[in-house]
Amino acid sequence: MKFTIILLIGAMPFLSFSQSQEDQDAIRQVMALQQDAWNVGDLETFMAGYWKSEELRFTSSGRTSMGWQKTLDGYKKGYPTIEKMGKLKFEIFDIYPVEEKSAALTGSFYLTRSDEDLSGFFTLIFRKIDGEWKIISDMTCSN
């Protein structure tokens, strides 16, 4: 009996909140808007999915940078032309709650480009800020 009670108490934080279907759909919409913006070469609109804050975290290639502007600058440097940007396709594996107003999303990306395709995996942490879901942390790993 003690073991069952401990398990239930330990699981309570995970049972106390979940994202509604509406929240999951809103998060998926952020991803769709980012994909569409990328595919027309519009990095500023792509970045609208990110939290516009110096606390935004972006991790890739073994480095973490902080800040929305630094993230945008990194994208501009890495993808200076629409040809380098290529065509982006996201695949969403899972969206799951982290806290009451936060969710994690795992997925993959595939960039089709004329010179060399690029693919990889990512985990994004979203937070509902002022009624909108924004990416507050992006951890991306290229293959």
Protein backbone atom coordinates (compact mmCIF):
# COMPACT_ATOMS: atom_id res chain seq x y z
CA MET A 1 0.00 0.00 0.00
CA LYS A 2 2.81 2.42 0.89
CA PHE A 3 4.43 1.82 -2.50
CA THR A 4 1.16 2.63 -4.33
CA ILE A 5 0.70 5.87 -2.41
CA ILE A 6 4.28 6.94 -3.13
CA LEU A 7 3.78 6.23 -6.83
CA LEU A 8 0.58 8.25 -6.91
CA ILE A 9 2.15 11.18 -5.07
CA GLY A 10 5.18 11.04 -7.36
CA ALA A 11 2.95 11.06 -10.44
CA MET A 12 0.72 13.93 -9.26
CA PRO A 13 2.80 16.71 -10.87
CA PHE A 14 2.39 14.97 -14.21
CA LEU A 15 -1.34 14.41 -13.73
CA SER A 16 -2.12 17.97 -12.65
CA PHE A 17 -1.86 19.58 -16.07
CA SER A 18 -2.00 18.84 -19.76
CA GLN A 19 -2.20 20.76 -22.97
CA SER A 20 -5.64 20.91 -24.50
CA GLN A 21 -6.17 19.93 -28.11
CA GLU A 22 -6.57 23.65 -28.78
CA ASP A 23 -3.12 24.33 -27.32
CA GLN A 24 -1.55 21.49 -29.32
CA ASP A 25 -3.20 22.80 -32.49
CA ALA A 26 -1.85 26.31 -31.76
CA ILE A 27 1.66 24.90 -31.32
CA ARG A 28 1.33 22.97 -34.59
CA GLN A 29 0.19 26.21 -36.24
CA VAL A 30 3.37 27.98 -35.08
CA MET A 31 5.38 25.21 -36.73
CA ALA A 32 3.35 25.44 -39.95
CA LEU A 33 3.81 29.21 -40.11
CA GLN A 34 7.55 28.81 -39.57
CA GLN A 35 7.81 26.20 -42.30
CA ASP A 36 5.84 28.38 -44.75
CA ALA A 37 7.89 31.51 -43.93
CA TRP A 38 11.17 29.62 -44.36
CA ASN A 39 10.10 28.26 -47.72
CA VAL A 40 9.60 31.77 -49.11
CA GLY A 41 12.87 33.05 -47.60
CA ASP A 42 11.21 35.18 -44.89
CA LEU A 43 13.42 34.78 -41.81
CA GLU A 44 11.75 37.61 -39.88
CA THR A 45 8.34 35.89 -40.10
CA PHE A 46 10.00 32.55 -39.33
CA MET A 47 11.40 34.13 -36.16
CA ALA A 48 7.91 35.24 -35.04
CA GLY A 49 7.54 31.73 -33.61
CA TYR A 50 10.35 32.45 -31.14
CA TRP A 51 10.11 34.39 -27.90
CA LYS A 52 11.45 37.86 -28.64
CA SER A 53 13.66 37.99 -25.57
CA GLU A 54 17.30 37.95 -24.60
CA GLU A 55 16.42 34.82 -22.60
CA LEU A 56 15.65 32.76 -25.72
CA ARG A 57 18.04 29.79 -25.85
CA PHE A 58 19.23 28.25 -29.11
CA THR A 59 21.49 25.20 -29.04
CA SER A 60 23.06 23.73 -32.17
CA SER A 61 26.45 22.30 -33.14
CA GLY A 62 27.42 21.93 -29.49
CA ARG A 63 26.94 25.64 -28.69
CA THR A 64 24.20 27.58 -26.96
CA SER A 65 23.48 31.19 -27.76
CA MET A 66 21.12 33.50 -25.96
CA GLY A 67 18.72 36.01 -27.40
CA TRP A 68 16.22 36.47 -30.22
CA GLN A 69 18.42 38.83 -32.24
CA LYS A 70 21.46 36.57 -31.91
CA THR A 71 19.34 33.66 -33.15
CA LEU A 72 18.11 35.66 -36.14
CA ASP A 73 21.67 36.78 -36.90
CA GLY A 74 22.81 33.15 -36.76
CA TYR A 75 20.13 32.10 -39.23
CA LYS A 76 21.05 34.97 -41.57
CA LYS A 77 24.73 33.99 -41.44
CA GLY A 78 24.08 30.28 -41.95
CA TYR A 79 21.44 30.74 -44.63
CA PRO A 80 22.35 33.95 -46.50
CA THR A 81 20.30 33.20 -49.65
CA ILE A 82 17.01 31.51 -50.48
CA GLU A 83 19.06 28.85 -52.29
CA LYS A 84 20.97 28.07 -49.09
CA MET A 85 17.70 28.03 -47.16
CA GLY A 86 16.20 25.45 -49.50
CA LYS A 87 12.79 23.95 -48.84
CA LEU A 88 12.00 23.02 -45.25
CA LYS A 89 9.81 20.15 -44.11
CA PHE A 90 9.06 19.54 -40.44
CA GLU A 91 7.84 16.29 -38.99
CA ILE A 92 6.36 16.53 -35.51
CA PHE A 93 6.81 13.41 -33.39
CA ASP A 94 5.26 14.45 -30.09
CA ILE A 95 3.95 17.39 -28.10
CA TYR A 96 3.78 16.92 -24.36
CA PRO A 97 3.33 19.10 -21.26
CA VAL A 98 6.30 20.28 -19.24
CA GLU A 99 4.47 22.65 -16.88
CA GLU A 100 1.04 24.20 -16.83
CA LYS A 101 1.84 26.76 -19.57
CA SER A 102 4.80 25.01 -21.17
CA ALA A 103 5.14 22.17 -23.63
CA ALA A 104 7.92 20.28 -25.37
CA LEU A 105 7.82 19.34 -29.01
CA THR A 106 10.09 16.74 -30.59
CA GLY A 107 10.51 16.38 -34.31
CA SER A 108 12.74 16.33 -37.32
CA PHE A 109 13.53 18.67 -40.16
CA TYR A 110 14.61 18.12 -43.72
CA LEU A 111 16.04 20.84 -45.95
CA THR A 112 16.07 20.09 -49.66
CA ARG A 113 18.74 22.22 -51.33
CA SER A 114 20.39 22.32 -54.74
CA ASP A 115 23.91 21.79 -53.38
CA GLU A 116 23.50 19.63 -50.30
CA ASP A 117 20.44 18.52 -48.32
CA LEU A 118 20.44 18.86 -44.55
CA SER A 119 18.40 17.00 -41.95
CA GLY A 120 18.26 16.51 -38.22
CA PHE A 121 16.21 16.40 -35.06
CA PHE A 122 15.04 18.99 -32.57
CA THR A 123 13.39 19.50 -29.22
CA LEU A 124 11.58 22.78 -28.75
CA ILE A 125 10.27 24.13 -25.47
CA PHE A 126 7.18 26.29 -25.91
CA ARG A 127 5.65 28.62 -23.33
CA LYS A 128 2.31 30.35 -23.52
CA ILE A 129 3.19 34.04 -23.27
CA ASP A 130 0.47 36.69 -23.44
CA GLY A 131 -1.90 34.10 -24.87
CA GLU A 132 0.47 32.94 -27.64
CA TRP A 133 2.68 29.86 -27.82
CA LYS A 134 6.31 30.86 -28.36
CA ILE A 135 9.51 28.82 -28.59
CA ILE A 136 11.68 29.69 -25.59
CA SER A 137 14.35 27.03 -26.18
CA ASP A 138 15.46 25.30 -29.38
CA MET A 139 17.83 22.34 -29.26
CA THR A 140 18.64 21.22 -32.82
CA CYS A 141 21.03 18.51 -33.97
CA SER A 142 21.92 18.04 -37.63
CA ASN A 143 22.71 14.62 -39.06
